[in-house]
Amino acid sequence: METFMKIEDWLLEILACPKCHAPLRVDDAASELVCTGADCGLAYPVRDDIPVLLIDEARDPAAGAVRE
């Protein structure tokens, strides 16, 4: 059974990457919100349908790990 994040469209429209302020896109497969900025691309976790928009909690897909 697949579970999808329940983030309202209106909320997604106002959320932005805390690092570069670019819009975010939903990645349901990874339960993350991913920055659309060309130079950023951080992936922020969504836990219990709540976005965790902390740079320290973000994953850098290019590096494949959580930022420290």
Protein backbone atom coordinates (compact mmCIF):
# COMPACT_ATOMS: atom_id res chain seq x y z
CA MET A 1 0.00 0.00 0.00
CA GLU A 2 1.45 3.35 -1.05
CA THR A 3 1.08 6.35 1.20
CA PHE A 4 1.28 9.87 -0.12
CA MET A 5 2.07 13.06 1.71
CA LYS A 6 -0.93 15.21 2.47
CA ILE A 7 0.36 18.70 1.80
CA GLU A 8 -2.30 21.12 0.64
CA ASP A 9 -1.70 22.89 -2.67
CA TRP A 10 -2.10 26.33 -1.10
CA LEU A 11 0.64 25.52 1.44
CA LEU A 12 3.00 24.16 -1.19
CA GLU A 13 2.56 27.40 -3.14
CA ILE A 14 3.89 29.51 -0.26
CA LEU A 15 6.62 27.18 0.99
CA ALA A 16 10.16 27.93 -0.17
CA CYS A 17 13.61 26.50 0.38
CA PRO A 18 15.06 28.07 3.54
CA LYS A 19 18.53 28.14 1.98
CA CYS A 20 17.95 29.71 -1.46
CA HIS A 21 14.22 30.65 -1.35
CA ALA A 22 13.36 28.69 -4.52
CA PRO A 23 10.01 26.86 -4.78
CA LEU A 24 9.73 23.27 -3.55
CA ARG A 25 8.34 20.25 -5.39
CA VAL A 26 6.85 17.11 -3.87
CA ASP A 27 8.70 13.79 -4.06
CA ASP A 28 6.09 11.31 -2.79
CA ALA A 29 8.36 8.31 -3.29
CA ALA A 30 10.92 9.68 -0.81
CA SER A 31 8.44 11.63 1.40
CA GLU A 32 10.41 14.80 0.80
CA LEU A 33 10.04 18.32 -0.52
CA VAL A 34 12.82 19.02 -2.98
CA CYS A 35 14.21 22.45 -3.78
CA THR A 36 13.88 23.42 -7.45
CA GLY A 37 16.85 25.81 -7.31
CA ALA A 38 19.57 24.93 -9.84
CA ASP A 39 22.41 25.51 -7.38
CA CYS A 40 20.70 24.06 -4.31
CA GLY A 41 18.48 20.99 -4.75
CA LEU A 42 18.23 20.12 -1.06
CA ALA A 43 15.57 17.57 -0.09
CA TYR A 44 13.62 18.29 3.11
CA PRO A 45 11.90 15.44 4.97
CA VAL A 46 8.17 15.34 5.61
CA ARG A 47 7.27 13.60 8.84
CA ASP A 48 3.62 12.87 9.70
CA ASP A 49 2.61 15.22 6.85
CA ILE A 50 4.62 18.06 8.42
CA PRO A 51 7.47 19.53 6.35
CA VAL A 52 10.73 19.81 8.31
CA LEU A 53 12.27 22.84 6.64
CA LEU A 54 15.52 22.93 8.56
CA ILE A 55 18.72 23.12 6.54
CA ASP A 56 20.45 20.85 9.07
CA GLU A 57 17.80 18.16 8.50
CA ALA A 58 17.95 18.40 4.69
CA ARG A 59 19.47 15.76 2.48
CA ASP A 60 21.72 16.75 -0.39
CA PRO A 61 20.82 14.34 -3.22
CA ALA A 62 24.08 15.20 -5.02
CA ALA A 63 26.07 14.09 -1.96
CA GLY A 64 23.61 11.31 -1.02
CA ALA A 65 23.61 12.12 2.69
CA VAL A 66 22.11 14.34 5.37
CA ARG A 67 23.94 17.65 5.75
CA GLU A 68 26.01 18.04 8.90
